[in-house]
Amino acid sequence: MTKKPALGDDVLGEIQSPEAIMRQHFYRKSEETAEAEPRLPPVDEEEDAGFRRVNISLFPDDIELLNEMVRTLRKRGYRRVSKSQIIRYALQTVDLEKMPQSY
């Protein structure tokens, strides 16, 4: 005849209690993870790419004009033209002497 487990008996045998598992793996570092892991310095992706990402604000009309320029250039055969290319070209060709005071 097999003895039925009673209240308070260790029915799980060698399995640790949930509290012991939490203490061992979540609240304290175990021996395996206590060793210092070598960490690489963070890589600045922008430095590697050779450019910096910036955000600029444009009015809705300016955005539509920029989109129209992209569409026009693509129709003319510039397959990979982008808004950034148009803005870079504009920056390189602007004549500051012709810039009005209140634009």
Protein backbone atom coordinates (compact mmCIF):
# COMPACT_ATOMS: atom_id res chain seq x y z
CA MET A 1 0.00 0.00 0.00
CA THR A 2 1.38 3.40 -1.04
CA LYS A 3 1.25 6.30 1.32
CA LYS A 4 -0.75 9.21 -0.05
CA PRO A 5 0.92 12.59 0.21
CA ALA A 6 -0.37 14.70 3.02
CA LEU A 7 -0.49 18.43 3.38
CA GLY A 8 3.06 19.69 3.99
CA ASP A 9 4.80 16.70 2.36
CA ASP A 10 7.52 17.45 -0.24
CA VAL A 11 5.71 15.97 -3.25
CA LEU A 12 8.15 17.44 -5.76
CA GLY A 13 11.21 15.77 -4.29
CA GLU A 14 14.47 17.46 -5.31
CA ILE A 15 12.78 20.29 -7.21
CA GLN A 16 13.43 23.66 -5.59
CA SER A 17 10.66 25.87 -4.35
CA PRO A 18 9.64 28.80 -6.55
CA GLU A 19 11.08 31.19 -3.98
CA ALA A 20 14.48 29.46 -4.14
CA ILE A 21 14.45 29.55 -7.94
CA MET A 22 13.62 33.26 -7.92
CA ARG A 23 16.38 34.01 -5.38
CA GLN A 24 18.95 32.00 -7.33
CA HIS A 25 18.20 33.18 -10.87
CA PHE A 26 16.54 36.57 -10.60
CA TYR A 27 17.47 38.31 -7.37
CA ARG A 28 21.09 37.22 -7.02
CA LYS A 29 23.66 36.49 -9.62
CA SER A 30 24.45 32.82 -9.88
CA GLU A 31 28.06 31.63 -10.08
CA GLU A 32 27.83 31.26 -13.88
CA THR A 33 26.75 34.84 -14.47
CA ALA A 34 28.82 36.39 -11.67
CA GLU A 35 31.90 36.48 -13.91
CA ALA A 36 32.30 39.79 -15.65
CA GLU A 37 31.29 39.50 -19.26
CA PRO A 38 33.53 41.47 -21.61
CA ARG A 39 31.53 44.34 -23.09
CA LEU A 40 32.41 46.04 -26.31
CA PRO A 41 32.18 49.81 -26.44
CA PRO A 42 29.00 51.03 -28.15
CA VAL A 43 29.47 51.61 -31.86
CA ASP A 44 28.28 54.94 -33.12
CA GLU A 45 26.58 53.96 -36.37
CA GLU A 46 26.58 57.52 -37.65
CA GLU A 47 30.38 57.75 -37.39
CA ASP A 48 30.77 54.58 -39.42
CA ALA A 49 28.26 55.67 -42.05
CA GLY A 50 30.03 58.95 -42.85
CA PHE A 51 26.92 61.08 -42.34
CA ARG A 52 24.78 62.45 -39.54
CA ARG A 53 21.06 62.05 -39.32
CA VAL A 54 19.22 65.30 -38.57
CA ASN A 55 15.58 66.27 -38.37
CA ILE A 56 14.26 69.40 -40.01
CA SER A 57 10.80 70.91 -40.04
CA LEU A 58 9.12 71.85 -43.29
CA PHE A 59 5.74 73.33 -44.03
CA PRO A 60 3.24 71.04 -45.78
CA ASP A 61 3.56 73.09 -48.99
CA ASP A 62 7.35 72.67 -48.92
CA ILE A 63 7.02 68.93 -48.44
CA GLU A 64 4.63 68.70 -51.39
CA LEU A 65 7.05 70.75 -53.51
CA LEU A 66 9.91 68.43 -52.54
CA ASN A 67 7.82 65.36 -53.35
CA GLU A 68 6.88 66.88 -56.72
CA MET A 69 10.56 67.49 -57.48
CA VAL A 70 11.32 63.82 -56.74
CA ARG A 71 8.49 62.70 -59.04
CA THR A 72 9.65 65.03 -61.83
CA LEU A 73 13.26 63.88 -61.63
CA ARG A 74 12.21 60.22 -61.64
CA LYS A 75 10.15 60.83 -64.78
CA ARG A 76 13.28 62.36 -66.34
CA GLY A 77 15.25 59.20 -65.66
CA TYR A 78 16.79 59.81 -62.25
CA ARG A 79 15.70 56.44 -60.85
CA ARG A 80 17.32 56.65 -57.41
CA VAL A 81 16.82 60.32 -56.64
CA SER A 82 15.84 61.11 -53.05
CA LYS A 83 14.65 64.08 -51.05
CA SER A 84 18.04 64.17 -49.30
CA GLN A 85 19.83 64.49 -52.64
CA ILE A 86 17.64 67.41 -53.64
CA ILE A 87 18.21 69.16 -50.30
CA ARG A 88 21.99 68.57 -50.53
CA TYR A 89 22.02 69.99 -54.07
CA ALA A 90 20.04 73.02 -52.91
CA LEU A 91 22.49 73.62 -50.05
CA GLN A 92 25.46 73.49 -52.42
CA THR A 93 23.95 75.80 -55.04
CA VAL A 94 22.23 78.42 -52.88
CA ASP A 95 23.29 82.04 -53.40
CA LEU A 96 23.13 83.72 -50.00
CA GLU A 97 23.41 87.17 -51.59
CA LYS A 98 19.98 86.64 -53.16
CA MET A 99 18.36 85.43 -49.93
CA PRO A 100 15.65 87.86 -48.76
CA GLN A 101 15.62 89.04 -45.12
CA SER A 102 12.23 87.51 -44.29
CA TYR A 103 11.80 84.25 -46.10
